[in-house]
Amino acid sequence: MATVKYILEDGSEVLIEADVGQNLMQLALDNNLDGIEGACGGSCMCGTCHVLIESVKGKQLEERDEMETVIIEMEIDELAPINSRLGCQITIQEGMESITARIANLSNF
């Protein structure tokens, strides 16, 4: 289990306990957080679950793969920073303690 801190578009913060195997997109949708749409259902095709990863404690995230990079460059910005990620591609893994993710849809990027 890990603690996920979402920083919402208005600057407020929401803490959610996440189980191993959950992804950040579905966790946000399950908790009705504004700014995460997940239009493609988590298939890494749309960019509507875009987050900026601000910190990770414990086991670190894997780097984004080629498909995630292509979607971020096409749907978000070709110059998006390396911490620009799709929530559907970030799954809680054993050994992760906490993740801070800023919800960063197209209107505030």
PDB file of N, CA and C in Angstrom:
ATOM      1  N   MET A   1       0.846  -1.180   0.000  1.00  0.00           N
ATOM      2  CA  MET A   1       0.000   0.000   0.000  1.00  0.00           C
ATOM      3  C   MET A   1       0.889   1.240   0.000  1.00  0.00           C
ATOM      4  N   ALA A   2       0.451   2.265  -0.707  1.00  0.00           N
ATOM      5  CA  ALA A   2       1.187   3.524  -0.792  1.00  0.00           C
ATOM      6  C   ALA A   2       0.213   4.683  -0.642  1.00  0.00           C
ATOM      7  N   THR A   3       0.728   5.809  -0.206  1.00  0.00           N
ATOM      8  CA  THR A   3      -0.072   7.023  -0.116  1.00  0.00           C
ATOM      9  C   THR A   3       0.154   7.841  -1.377  1.00  0.00           C
ATOM     10  N   VAL A   4      -0.943   8.211  -2.029  1.00  0.00           N
ATOM     11  CA  VAL A   4      -0.860   9.064  -3.212  1.00  0.00           C
ATOM     12  C   VAL A   4      -1.416  10.424  -2.831  1.00  0.00           C
ATOM     13  N   LYS A   5      -0.588  11.454  -3.039  1.00  0.00           N
ATOM     14  CA  LYS A   5      -1.051  12.827  -2.826  1.00  0.00           C
ATOM     15  C   LYS A   5      -1.295  13.437  -4.191  1.00  0.00           C
ATOM     16  N   TYR A   6      -2.544  13.799  -4.444  1.00  0.00           N
ATOM     17  CA  TYR A   6      -2.894  14.523  -5.660  1.00  0.00           C
ATOM     18  C   TYR A   6      -2.948  16.000  -5.322  1.00  0.00           C
ATOM     19  N   ILE A   7      -2.316  16.809  -6.142  1.00  0.00           N
ATOM     20  CA  ILE A   7      -2.449  18.258  -6.037  1.00  0.00           C
ATOM     21  C   ILE A   7      -3.394  18.663  -7.155  1.00  0.00           C
ATOM     22  N   LEU A   8      -4.547  19.184  -6.758  1.00  0.00           N
ATOM     23  CA  LEU A   8      -5.586  19.519  -7.725  1.00  0.00           C
ATOM     24  C   LEU A   8      -5.285  20.841  -8.405  1.00  0.00           C
ATOM     25  N   GLU A   9      -6.043  21.137  -9.443  1.00  0.00           N
ATOM     26  CA  GLU A   9      -5.821  22.354 -10.228  1.00  0.00           C
ATOM     27  C   GLU A   9      -5.931  23.620  -9.393  1.00  0.00           C
ATOM     28  N   ASP A  10      -6.766  23.597  -8.342  1.00  0.00           N
ATOM     29  CA  ASP A  10      -6.924  24.779  -7.490  1.00  0.00           C
ATOM     30  C   ASP A  10      -5.867  24.857  -6.391  1.00  0.00           C
ATOM     31  N   GLY A  11      -4.934  23.908  -6.373  1.00  0.00           N
ATOM     32  CA  GLY A  11      -3.860  23.897  -5.387  1.00  0.00           C
ATOM     33  C   GLY A  11      -4.162  23.074  -4.142  1.00  0.00           C
ATOM     34  N   SER A  12      -5.399  22.649  -3.978  1.00  0.00           N
ATOM     35  CA  SER A  12      -5.732  21.823  -2.816  1.00  0.00           C
ATOM     36  C   SER A  12      -5.130  20.430  -2.991  1.00  0.00           C
ATOM     37  N   GLU A  13      -4.984  19.729  -1.878  1.00  0.00           N
ATOM     38  CA  GLU A  13      -4.352  18.419  -1.891  1.00  0.00           C
ATOM     39  C   GLU A  13      -5.308  17.362  -1.362  1.00  0.00           C
ATOM     40  N   VAL A  14      -5.247  16.184  -1.950  1.00  0.00           N
ATOM     41  CA  VAL A  14      -6.061  15.048  -1.529  1.00  0.00           C
ATOM     42  C   VAL A  14      -5.120  13.863  -1.334  1.00  0.00           C
ATOM     43  N   LEU A  15      -5.193  13.232  -0.156  1.00  0.00           N
ATOM     44  CA  LEU A  15      -4.400  12.039   0.136  1.00  0.00           C
ATOM     45  C   LEU A  15      -5.282  10.807   0.013  1.00  0.00           C
ATOM     46  N   ILE A  16      -4.791   9.799  -0.707  1.00  0.00           N
ATOM     47  CA  ILE A  16      -5.541   8.562  -0.910  1.00  0.00           C
ATOM     48  C   ILE A  16      -4.591   7.384  -0.706  1.00  0.00           C
ATOM     49  N   GLU A  17      -5.047   6.392   0.036  1.00  0.00           N
ATOM     50  CA  GLU A  17      -4.283   5.155   0.198  1.00  0.00           C
ATOM     51  C   GLU A  17      -4.562   4.262  -1.009  1.00  0.00           C
ATOM     52  N   ALA A  18      -3.507   3.787  -1.633  1.00  0.00           N
ATOM     53  CA  ALA A  18      -3.646   2.976  -2.845  1.00  0.00           C
ATOM     54  C   ALA A  18      -3.047   1.596  -2.630  1.00  0.00           C
ATOM     55  N   ASP A  19      -3.713   0.602  -3.167  1.00  0.00           N
ATOM     56  CA  ASP A  19      -3.224  -0.775  -3.096  1.00  0.00           C
ATOM     57  C   ASP A  19      -2.283  -1.065  -4.257  1.00  0.00           C
ATOM     58  N   VAL A  20      -1.394  -2.015  -4.042  1.00  0.00           N
ATOM     59  CA  VAL A  20      -0.519  -2.490  -5.109  1.00  0.00           C
ATOM     60  C   VAL A  20      -1.397  -2.932  -6.278  1.00  0.00           C
ATOM     61  N   GLY A  21      -1.033  -2.496  -7.480  1.00  0.00           N
ATOM     62  CA  GLY A  21      -1.773  -2.854  -8.687  1.00  0.00           C
ATOM     63  C   GLY A  21      -2.710  -1.773  -9.190  1.00  0.00           C
ATOM     64  N   GLN A  22      -3.048  -0.800  -8.334  1.00  0.00           N
ATOM     65  CA  GLN A  22      -3.911   0.294  -8.796  1.00  0.00           C
ATOM     66  C   GLN A  22      -3.085   1.293  -9.590  1.00  0.00           C
ATOM     67  N   ASN A  23      -3.712   1.922 -10.602  1.00  0.00           N
ATOM     68  CA  ASN A  23      -2.997   2.973 -11.322  1.00  0.00           C
ATOM     69  C   ASN A  23      -3.555   4.339 -10.929  1.00  0.00           C
ATOM     70  N   LEU A  24      -2.770   5.373 -11.171  1.00  0.00           N
ATOM     71  CA  LEU A  24      -3.144   6.715 -10.719  1.00  0.00           C
ATOM     72  C   LEU A  24      -4.395   7.243 -11.396  1.00  0.00           C
ATOM     73  N   MET A  25      -4.635   6.872 -12.648  1.00  0.00           N
ATOM     74  CA  MET A  25      -5.844   7.324 -13.336  1.00  0.00           C
ATOM     75  C   MET A  25      -7.088   6.744 -12.675  1.00  0.00           C
ATOM     76  N   GLN A  26      -7.118   5.429 -12.509  1.00  0.00           N
ATOM     77  CA  GLN A  26      -8.303   4.786 -11.948  1.00  0.00           C
ATOM     78  C   GLN A  26      -8.533   5.208 -10.505  1.00  0.00           C
ATOM     79  N   LEU A  27      -7.464   5.386  -9.751  1.00  0.00           N
ATOM     80  CA  LEU A  27      -7.571   5.846  -8.367  1.00  0.00           C
ATOM     81  C   LEU A  27      -8.225   7.224  -8.313  1.00  0.00           C
ATOM     82  N   ALA A  28      -7.813   8.119  -9.216  1.00  0.00           N
ATOM     83  CA  ALA A  28      -8.407   9.461  -9.272  1.00  0.00           C
ATOM     84  C   ALA A  28      -9.875   9.391  -9.674  1.00  0.00           C
ATOM     85  N   LEU A  29     -10.192   8.572 -10.666  1.00  0.00           N
ATOM     86  CA  LEU A  29     -11.587   8.436 -11.100  1.00  0.00           C
ATOM     87  C   LEU A  29     -12.451   7.837  -9.998  1.00  0.00           C
ATOM     88  N   ASP A  30     -11.944   6.809  -9.313  1.00  0.00           N
ATOM     89  CA  ASP A  30     -12.700   6.168  -8.236  1.00  0.00           C
ATOM     90  C   ASP A  30     -12.999   7.130  -7.092  1.00  0.00           C
ATOM     91  N   ASN A  31     -12.156   8.162  -6.955  1.00  0.00           N
ATOM     92  CA  ASN A  31     -12.328   9.137  -5.881  1.00  0.00           C
ATOM     93  C   ASN A  31     -12.872  10.471  -6.381  1.00  0.00           C
ATOM     94  N   ASN A  32     -13.394  10.473  -7.609  1.00  0.00           N
ATOM     95  CA  ASN A  32     -14.069  11.642  -8.191  1.00  0.00           C
ATOM     96  C   ASN A  32     -13.228  12.910  -8.172  1.00  0.00           C
ATOM     97  N   LEU A  33     -11.945  12.789  -8.504  1.00  0.00           N
ATOM     98  CA  LEU A  33     -11.080  13.961  -8.539  1.00  0.00           C
ATOM     99  C   LEU A  33     -11.236  14.685  -9.869  1.00  0.00           C
ATOM    100  N   ASP A  34     -11.410  15.991  -9.805  1.00  0.00           N
ATOM    101  CA  ASP A  34     -11.523  16.806 -11.012  1.00  0.00           C
ATOM    102  C   ASP A  34     -10.185  16.872 -11.736  1.00  0.00           C
ATOM    103  N   GLY A  35     -10.244  16.917 -13.065  1.00  0.00           N
ATOM    104  CA  GLY A  35      -9.052  17.108 -13.878  1.00  0.00           C
ATOM    105  C   GLY A  35      -8.516  15.839 -14.507  1.00  0.00           C
ATOM    106  N   ILE A  36      -9.023  14.688 -14.090  1.00  0.00           N
ATOM    107  CA  ILE A  36      -8.638  13.409 -14.698  1.00  0.00           C
ATOM    108  C   ILE A  36      -9.870  12.851 -15.389  1.00  0.00           C
ATOM    109  N   GLU A  37      -9.766  12.665 -16.699  1.00  0.00           N
ATOM    110  CA  GLU A  37     -10.910  12.177 -17.462  1.00  0.00           C
ATOM    111  C   GLU A  37     -10.774  10.697 -17.824  1.00  0.00           C
ATOM    112  N   GLY A  38      -9.622  10.298 -18.298  1.00  0.00           N
ATOM    113  CA  GLY A  38      -9.431   8.905 -18.698  1.00  0.00           C
ATOM    114  C   GLY A  38     -10.316   8.502 -19.861  1.00  0.00           C
ATOM    115  N   ALA A  39     -10.387   9.353 -20.878  1.00  0.00           N
ATOM    116  CA  ALA A  39     -11.309   9.151 -22.002  1.00  0.00           C
ATOM    117  C   ALA A  39     -11.093   7.832 -22.740  1.00  0.00           C
ATOM    118  N   CYS A  40      -9.868   7.347 -22.796  1.00  0.00           N
ATOM    119  CA  CYS A  40      -9.593   6.103 -23.529  1.00  0.00           C
ATOM    120  C   CYS A  40      -9.692   4.871 -22.635  1.00  0.00           C
ATOM    121  N   GLY A  41     -10.076   5.064 -21.391  1.00  0.00           N
ATOM    122  CA  GLY A  41     -10.224   3.934 -20.484  1.00  0.00           C
ATOM    123  C   GLY A  41      -8.916   3.366 -19.971  1.00  0.00           C
ATOM    124  N   GLY A  42      -7.856   4.137 -20.076  1.00  0.00           N
ATOM    125  CA  GLY A  42      -6.568   3.683 -19.559  1.00  0.00           C
ATOM    126  C   GLY A  42      -5.729   2.908 -20.550  1.00  0.00           C
ATOM    127  N   SER A  43      -5.979   3.097 -21.839  1.00  0.00           N
ATOM    128  CA  SER A  43      -5.220   2.350 -22.851  1.00  0.00           C
ATOM    129  C   SER A  43      -4.064   3.151 -23.450  1.00  0.00           C
ATOM    130  N   CYS A  44      -3.659   4.233 -22.786  1.00  0.00           N
ATOM    131  CA  CYS A  44      -2.503   5.036 -23.215  1.00  0.00           C
ATOM    132  C   CYS A  44      -2.700   5.591 -24.625  1.00  0.00           C
ATOM    133  N   MET A  45      -3.901   6.176 -24.862  1.00  0.00           N
ATOM    134  CA  MET A  45      -4.200   6.669 -26.199  1.00  0.00           C
ATOM    135  C   MET A  45      -4.675   8.119 -26.251  1.00  0.00           C
ATOM    136  N   CYS A  46      -4.856   8.805 -25.095  1.00  0.00           N
ATOM    137  CA  CYS A  46      -5.508  10.112 -25.198  1.00  0.00           C
ATOM    138  C   CYS A  46      -4.838  11.256 -24.437  1.00  0.00           C
ATOM    139  N   GLY A  47      -4.184  11.013 -23.356  1.00  0.00           N
ATOM    140  CA  GLY A  47      -3.559  12.088 -22.595  1.00  0.00           C
ATOM    141  C   GLY A  47      -4.463  12.768 -21.586  1.00  0.00           C
ATOM    142  N   THR A  48      -5.695  12.290 -21.401  1.00  0.00           N
ATOM    143  CA  THR A  48      -6.620  12.972 -20.479  1.00  0.00           C
ATOM    144  C   THR A  48      -6.459  12.524 -19.027  1.00  0.00           C
ATOM    145  N   CYS A  49      -5.395  11.793 -18.742  1.00  0.00           N
ATOM    146  CA  CYS A  49      -5.065  11.440 -17.358  1.00  0.00           C
ATOM    147  C   CYS A  49      -3.673  11.981 -17.018  1.00  0.00           C
ATOM    148  N   HIS A  50      -3.309  13.066 -17.668  1.00  0.00           N
ATOM    149  CA  HIS A  50      -1.983  13.662 -17.543  1.00  0.00           C
ATOM    150  C   HIS A  50      -1.727  14.165 -16.127  1.00  0.00           C
ATOM    151  N   VAL A  51      -0.568  13.800 -15.580  1.00  0.00           N
ATOM    152  CA  VAL A  51      -0.127  14.288 -14.274  1.00  0.00           C
ATOM    153  C   VAL A  51       1.348  14.653 -14.363  1.00  0.00           C
ATOM    154  N   LEU A  52       1.770  15.482 -13.434  1.00  0.00           N
ATOM    155  CA  LEU A  52       3.191  15.772 -13.262  1.00  0.00           C
ATOM    156  C   LEU A  52       3.614  15.107 -11.960  1.00  0.00           C
ATOM    157  N   ILE A  53       4.566  14.209 -12.016  1.00  0.00           N
ATOM    158  CA  ILE A  53       5.035  13.517 -10.820  1.00  0.00           C
ATOM    159  C   ILE A  53       6.025  14.431 -10.112  1.00  0.00           C
ATOM    160  N   GLU A  54       5.669  14.827  -8.890  1.00  0.00           N
ATOM    161  CA  GLU A  54       6.520  15.747  -8.143  1.00  0.00           C
ATOM    162  C   GLU A  54       7.490  15.025  -7.223  1.00  0.00           C
ATOM    163  N   SER A  55       7.091  13.867  -6.701  1.00  0.00           N
ATOM    164  CA  SER A  55       8.007  13.096  -5.858  1.00  0.00           C
ATOM    165  C   SER A  55       7.534  11.656  -5.752  1.00  0.00           C
ATOM    166  N   VAL A  56       8.490  10.782  -5.479  1.00  0.00           N
ATOM    167  CA  VAL A  56       8.215   9.362  -5.245  1.00  0.00           C
ATOM    168  C   VAL A  56       9.135   8.925  -4.113  1.00  0.00           C
ATOM    169  N   LYS A  57       8.561   8.266  -3.102  1.00  0.00           N
ATOM    170  CA  LYS A  57       9.374   7.711  -2.015  1.00  0.00           C
ATOM    171  C   LYS A  57       9.254   6.198  -2.054  1.00  0.00           C
ATOM    172  N   GLY A  58      10.362   5.541  -1.767  1.00  0.00           N
ATOM    173  CA  GLY A  58      10.391   4.084  -1.862  1.00  0.00           C
ATOM    174  C   GLY A  58      10.775   3.686  -3.273  1.00  0.00           C
ATOM    175  N   LYS A  59      10.236   2.571  -3.733  1.00  0.00           N
ATOM    176  CA  LYS A  59      10.552   2.092  -5.082  1.00  0.00           C
ATOM    177  C   LYS A  59      10.216   3.163  -6.112  1.00  0.00           C
ATOM    178  N   GLN A  60      11.152   3.450  -6.988  1.00  0.00           N
ATOM    179  CA  GLN A  60      10.982   4.504  -7.983  1.00  0.00           C
ATOM    180  C   GLN A  60      10.195   4.014  -9.199  1.00  0.00           C
ATOM    181  N   LEU A  61       9.618   4.971  -9.906  1.00  0.00           N
ATOM    182  CA  LEU A  61       8.862   4.658 -11.114  1.00  0.00           C
ATOM    183  C   LEU A  61       9.801   4.253 -12.244  1.00  0.00           C
ATOM    184  N   GLU A  62       9.301   3.403 -13.110  1.00  0.00           N
ATOM    185  CA  GLU A  62      10.030   3.116 -14.336  1.00  0.00           C
ATOM    186  C   GLU A  62       9.897   4.328 -15.248  1.00  0.00           C
ATOM    187  N   GLU A  63      10.870   4.526 -16.124  1.00  0.00           N
ATOM    188  CA  GLU A  63      10.784   5.622 -17.085  1.00  0.00           C
ATOM    189  C   GLU A  63       9.614   5.376 -18.026  1.00  0.00           C
ATOM    190  N   ARG A  64       9.073   6.472 -18.583  1.00  0.00           N
ATOM    191  CA  ARG A  64       7.967   6.275 -19.510  1.00  0.00           C
ATOM    192  C   ARG A  64       8.469   5.548 -20.760  1.00  0.00           C
ATOM    193  N   ASP A  65       7.601   4.701 -21.300  1.00  0.00           N
ATOM    194  CA  ASP A  65       7.981   3.935 -22.482  1.00  0.00           C
ATOM    195  C   ASP A  65       7.706   4.750 -23.746  1.00  0.00           C
ATOM    196  N   GLU A  66       8.027   4.165 -24.888  1.00  0.00           N
ATOM    197  CA  GLU A  66       7.913   4.881 -26.159  1.00  0.00           C
ATOM    198  C   GLU A  66       6.477   5.315 -26.452  1.00  0.00           C
ATOM    199  N   MET A  67       5.494   4.443 -26.209  1.00  0.00           N
ATOM    200  CA  MET A  67       4.096   4.775 -26.488  1.00  0.00           C
ATOM    201  C   MET A  67       3.625   5.940 -25.619  1.00  0.00           C
ATOM    202  N   GLU A  68       3.940   5.897 -24.329  1.00  0.00           N
ATOM    203  CA  GLU A  68       3.553   6.989 -23.436  1.00  0.00           C
ATOM    204  C   GLU A  68       4.210   8.294 -23.879  1.00  0.00           C
ATOM    205  N   THR A  69       5.470   8.235 -24.259  1.00  0.00           N
ATOM    206  CA  THR A  69       6.178   9.428 -24.724  1.00  0.00           C
ATOM    207  C   THR A  69       5.523   9.997 -25.975  1.00  0.00           C
ATOM    208  N   VAL A  70       5.154   9.148 -26.915  1.00  0.00           N
ATOM    209  CA  VAL A  70       4.498   9.601 -28.150  1.00  0.00           C
ATOM    210  C   VAL A  70       3.182  10.301 -27.826  1.00  0.00           C
ATOM    211  N   ILE A  71       2.358   9.716 -26.965  1.00  0.00           N
ATOM    212  CA  ILE A  71       1.065  10.322 -26.618  1.00  0.00           C
ATOM    213  C   ILE A  71       1.276  11.658 -25.922  1.00  0.00           C
ATOM    214  N   ILE A  72       2.216  11.726 -24.990  1.00  0.00           N
ATOM    215  CA  ILE A  72       2.480  12.994 -24.296  1.00  0.00           C
ATOM    216  C   ILE A  72       2.946  14.048 -25.293  1.00  0.00           C
ATOM    217  N   GLU A  73       3.840  13.690 -26.193  1.00  0.00           N
ATOM    218  CA  GLU A  73       4.336  14.657 -27.175  1.00  0.00           C
ATOM    219  C   GLU A  73       3.240  15.104 -28.138  1.00  0.00           C
ATOM    220  N   MET A  74       2.334  14.186 -28.537  1.00  0.00           N
ATOM    221  CA  MET A  74       1.262  14.531 -29.479  1.00  0.00           C
ATOM    222  C   MET A  74       0.110  15.276 -28.805  1.00  0.00           C
ATOM    223  N   GLU A  75      -0.304  14.818 -27.635  1.00  0.00           N
ATOM    224  CA  GLU A  75      -1.505  15.342 -26.993  1.00  0.00           C
ATOM    225  C   GLU A  75      -1.234  16.458 -25.993  1.00  0.00           C
ATOM    226  N   ILE A  76      -0.060  16.500 -25.415  1.00  0.00           N
ATOM    227  CA  ILE A  76       0.247  17.489 -24.381  1.00  0.00           C
ATOM    228  C   ILE A  76       1.195  18.547 -24.950  1.00  0.00           C
ATOM    229  N   ASP A  77       2.458  18.171 -25.147  1.00  0.00           N
ATOM    230  CA  ASP A  77       3.457  19.120 -25.632  1.00  0.00           C
ATOM    231  C   ASP A  77       4.713  18.335 -25.984  1.00  0.00           C
ATOM    232  N   GLU A  78       5.268  18.592 -27.147  1.00  0.00           N
ATOM    233  CA  GLU A  78       6.478  17.863 -27.536  1.00  0.00           C
ATOM    234  C   GLU A  78       7.669  18.196 -26.650  1.00  0.00           C
ATOM    235  N   LEU A  79       7.580  19.290 -25.892  1.00  0.00           N
ATOM    236  CA  LEU A  79       8.652  19.672 -24.976  1.00  0.00           C
ATOM    237  C   LEU A  79       8.271  19.418 -23.521  1.00  0.00           C
ATOM    238  N   ALA A  80       7.320  18.531 -23.284  1.00  0.00           N
ATOM    239  CA  ALA A  80       6.870  18.231 -21.923  1.00  0.00           C
ATOM    240  C   ALA A  80       8.043  17.725 -21.084  1.00  0.00           C
ATOM    241  N   PRO A  81       8.097  18.138 -19.814  1.00  0.00           N
ATOM    242  CA  PRO A  81       9.195  17.693 -18.953  1.00  0.00           C
ATOM    243  C   PRO A  81       9.140  16.186 -18.699  1.00  0.00           C
ATOM    244  N   ILE A  82      10.247  15.627 -18.265  1.00  0.00           N
ATOM    245  CA  ILE A  82      10.361  14.187 -18.056  1.00  0.00           C
ATOM    246  C   ILE A  82       9.401  13.686 -16.981  1.00  0.00           C
ATOM    247  N   ASN A  83       8.983  14.556 -16.056  1.00  0.00           N
ATOM    248  CA  ASN A  83       8.040  14.132 -15.013  1.00  0.00           C
ATOM    249  C   ASN A  83       6.593  14.216 -15.483  1.00  0.00           C
ATOM    250  N   SER A  84       6.391  14.558 -16.739  1.00  0.00           N
ATOM    251  CA  SER A  84       5.062  14.571 -17.350  1.00  0.00           C
ATOM    252  C   SER A  84       4.698  13.131 -17.682  1.00  0.00           C
ATOM    253  N   ARG A  85       3.624  12.630 -17.059  1.00  0.00           N
ATOM    254  CA  ARG A  85       3.272  11.217 -17.208  1.00  0.00           C
ATOM    255  C   ARG A  85       1.776  11.052 -17.417  1.00  0.00           C
ATOM    256  N   LEU A  86       1.386   9.889 -17.876  1.00  0.00           N
ATOM    257  CA  LEU A  86      -0.019   9.517 -17.977  1.00  0.00           C
ATOM    258  C   LEU A  86      -0.350   8.662 -16.761  1.00  0.00           C
ATOM    259  N   GLY A  87      -1.377   9.067 -16.026  1.00  0.00           N
ATOM    260  CA  GLY A  87      -1.744   8.356 -14.808  1.00  0.00           C
ATOM    261  C   GLY A  87      -2.089   6.901 -15.048  1.00  0.00           C
ATOM    262  N   CYS A  88      -2.603   6.586 -16.231  1.00  0.00           N
ATOM    263  CA  CYS A  88      -2.957   5.193 -16.542  1.00  0.00           C
ATOM    264  C   CYS A  88      -1.730   4.304 -16.646  1.00  0.00           C
ATOM    265  N   GLN A  89      -0.555   4.887 -16.800  1.00  0.00           N
ATOM    266  CA  GLN A  89       0.673   4.119 -16.966  1.00  0.00           C
ATOM    267  C   GLN A  89       1.490   4.019 -15.684  1.00  0.00           C
ATOM    268  N   ILE A  90       0.978   4.592 -14.602  1.00  0.00           N
ATOM    269  CA  ILE A  90       1.693   4.549 -13.324  1.00  0.00           C
ATOM    270  C   ILE A  90       0.914   3.657 -12.371  1.00  0.00           C
ATOM    271  N   THR A  91       1.458   2.484 -12.127  1.00  0.00           N
ATOM    272  CA  THR A  91       0.819   1.493 -11.274  1.00  0.00           C
ATOM    273  C   THR A  91       1.570   1.399  -9.951  1.00  0.00           C
ATOM    274  N   ILE A  92       0.818   1.370  -8.863  1.00  0.00           N
ATOM    275  CA  ILE A  92       1.420   1.214  -7.543  1.00  0.00           C
ATOM    276  C   ILE A  92       2.074  -0.165  -7.473  1.00  0.00           C
ATOM    277  N   GLN A  93       3.337  -0.162  -7.045  1.00  0.00           N
ATOM    278  CA  GLN A  93       4.097  -1.407  -6.963  1.00  0.00           C
ATOM    279  C   GLN A  93       4.551  -1.651  -5.533  1.00  0.00           C
ATOM    280  N   GLU A  94       4.831  -2.902  -5.251  1.00  0.00           N
ATOM    281  CA  GLU A  94       5.366  -3.277  -3.944  1.00  0.00           C
ATOM    282  C   GLU A  94       6.620  -2.454  -3.673  1.00  0.00           C
ATOM    283  N   GLY A  95       6.734  -1.899  -2.489  1.00  0.00           N
ATOM    284  CA  GLY A  95       7.903  -1.113  -2.119  1.00  0.00           C
ATOM    285  C   GLY A  95       7.734   0.383  -2.306  1.00  0.00           C
ATOM    286  N   MET A  96       6.686   0.807  -2.995  1.00  0.00           N
ATOM    287  CA  MET A  96       6.412   2.243  -3.110  1.00  0.00           C
ATOM    288  C   MET A  96       5.783   2.715  -1.801  1.00  0.00           C
ATOM    289  N   GLU A  97       6.271   3.834  -1.288  1.00  0.00           N
ATOM    290  CA  GLU A  97       5.728   4.387  -0.052  1.00  0.00           C
ATOM    291  C   GLU A  97       4.746   5.512  -0.333  1.00  0.00           C
ATOM    292  N   SER A  98       5.151   6.438  -1.196  1.00  0.00           N
ATOM    293  CA  SER A  98       4.271   7.565  -1.511  1.00  0.00           C
ATOM    294  C   SER A  98       4.622   8.154  -2.866  1.00  0.00           C
ATOM    295  N   ILE A  99       3.613   8.769  -3.468  1.00  0.00           N
ATOM    296  CA  ILE A  99       3.764   9.459  -4.749  1.00  0.00           C
ATOM    297  C   ILE A  99       2.991  10.765  -4.644  1.00  0.00           C
ATOM    298  N   THR A 100       3.580  11.846  -5.121  1.00  0.00           N
ATOM    299  CA  THR A 100       2.873  13.114  -5.245  1.00  0.00           C
ATOM    300  C   THR A 100       2.696  13.396  -6.728  1.00  0.00           C
ATOM    301  N   ALA A 101       1.433  13.584  -7.129  1.00  0.00           N
ATOM    302  CA  ALA A 101       1.099  13.807  -8.538  1.00  0.00           C
ATOM    303  C   ALA A 101       0.249  15.063  -8.666  1.00  0.00           C
ATOM    304  N   ARG A 102       0.712  16.002  -9.457  1.00  0.00           N
ATOM    305  CA  ARG A 102      -0.051  17.219  -9.735  1.00  0.00           C
ATOM    306  C   ARG A 102      -0.911  16.971 -10.965  1.00  0.00           C
ATOM    307  N   ILE A 103      -2.220  17.147 -10.804  1.00  0.00           N
ATOM    308  CA  ILE A 103      -3.120  16.983 -11.941  1.00  0.00           C
ATOM    309  C   ILE A 103      -2.852  18.126 -12.907  1.00  0.00           C
ATOM    310  N   ALA A 104      -2.522  17.765 -14.136  1.00  0.00           N
ATOM    311  CA  ALA A 104      -2.024  18.750 -15.096  1.00  0.00           C
ATOM    312  C   ALA A 104      -2.677  18.528 -16.444  1.00  0.00           C
ATOM    313  N   ASN A 105      -3.942  18.903 -16.567  1.00  0.00           N
ATOM    314  CA  ASN A 105      -4.584  18.722 -17.868  1.00  0.00           C
ATOM    315  C   ASN A 105      -4.132  19.814 -18.826  1.00  0.00           C
ATOM    316  N   LEU A 106      -4.638  19.785 -20.022  1.00  0.00           N
ATOM    317  CA  LEU A 106      -4.173  20.707 -21.065  1.00  0.00           C
ATOM    318  C   LEU A 106      -4.350  22.167 -20.711  1.00  0.00           C
ATOM    319  N   SER A 107      -5.349  22.502 -19.899  1.00  0.00           N
ATOM    320  CA  SER A 107      -5.619  23.909 -19.614  1.00  0.00           C
ATOM    321  C   SER A 107      -4.635  24.529 -18.638  1.00  0.00           C
ATOM    322  N   ASN A 108      -3.888  23.709 -17.884  1.00  0.00           N
ATOM    323  CA  ASN A 108      -2.959  24.308 -16.921  1.00  0.00           C
ATOM    324  C   ASN A 108      -1.522  23.870 -17.132  1.00  0.00           C
ATOM    325  N   PHE A 109      -1.227  23.276 -18.272  1.00  0.00           N
ATOM    326  CA  PHE A 109       0.139  22.822 -18.524  1.00  0.00           C
ATOM    327  C   PHE A 109       0.964  23.944 -19.095  1.00  0.00           C
TER     328      PHE A 109
END
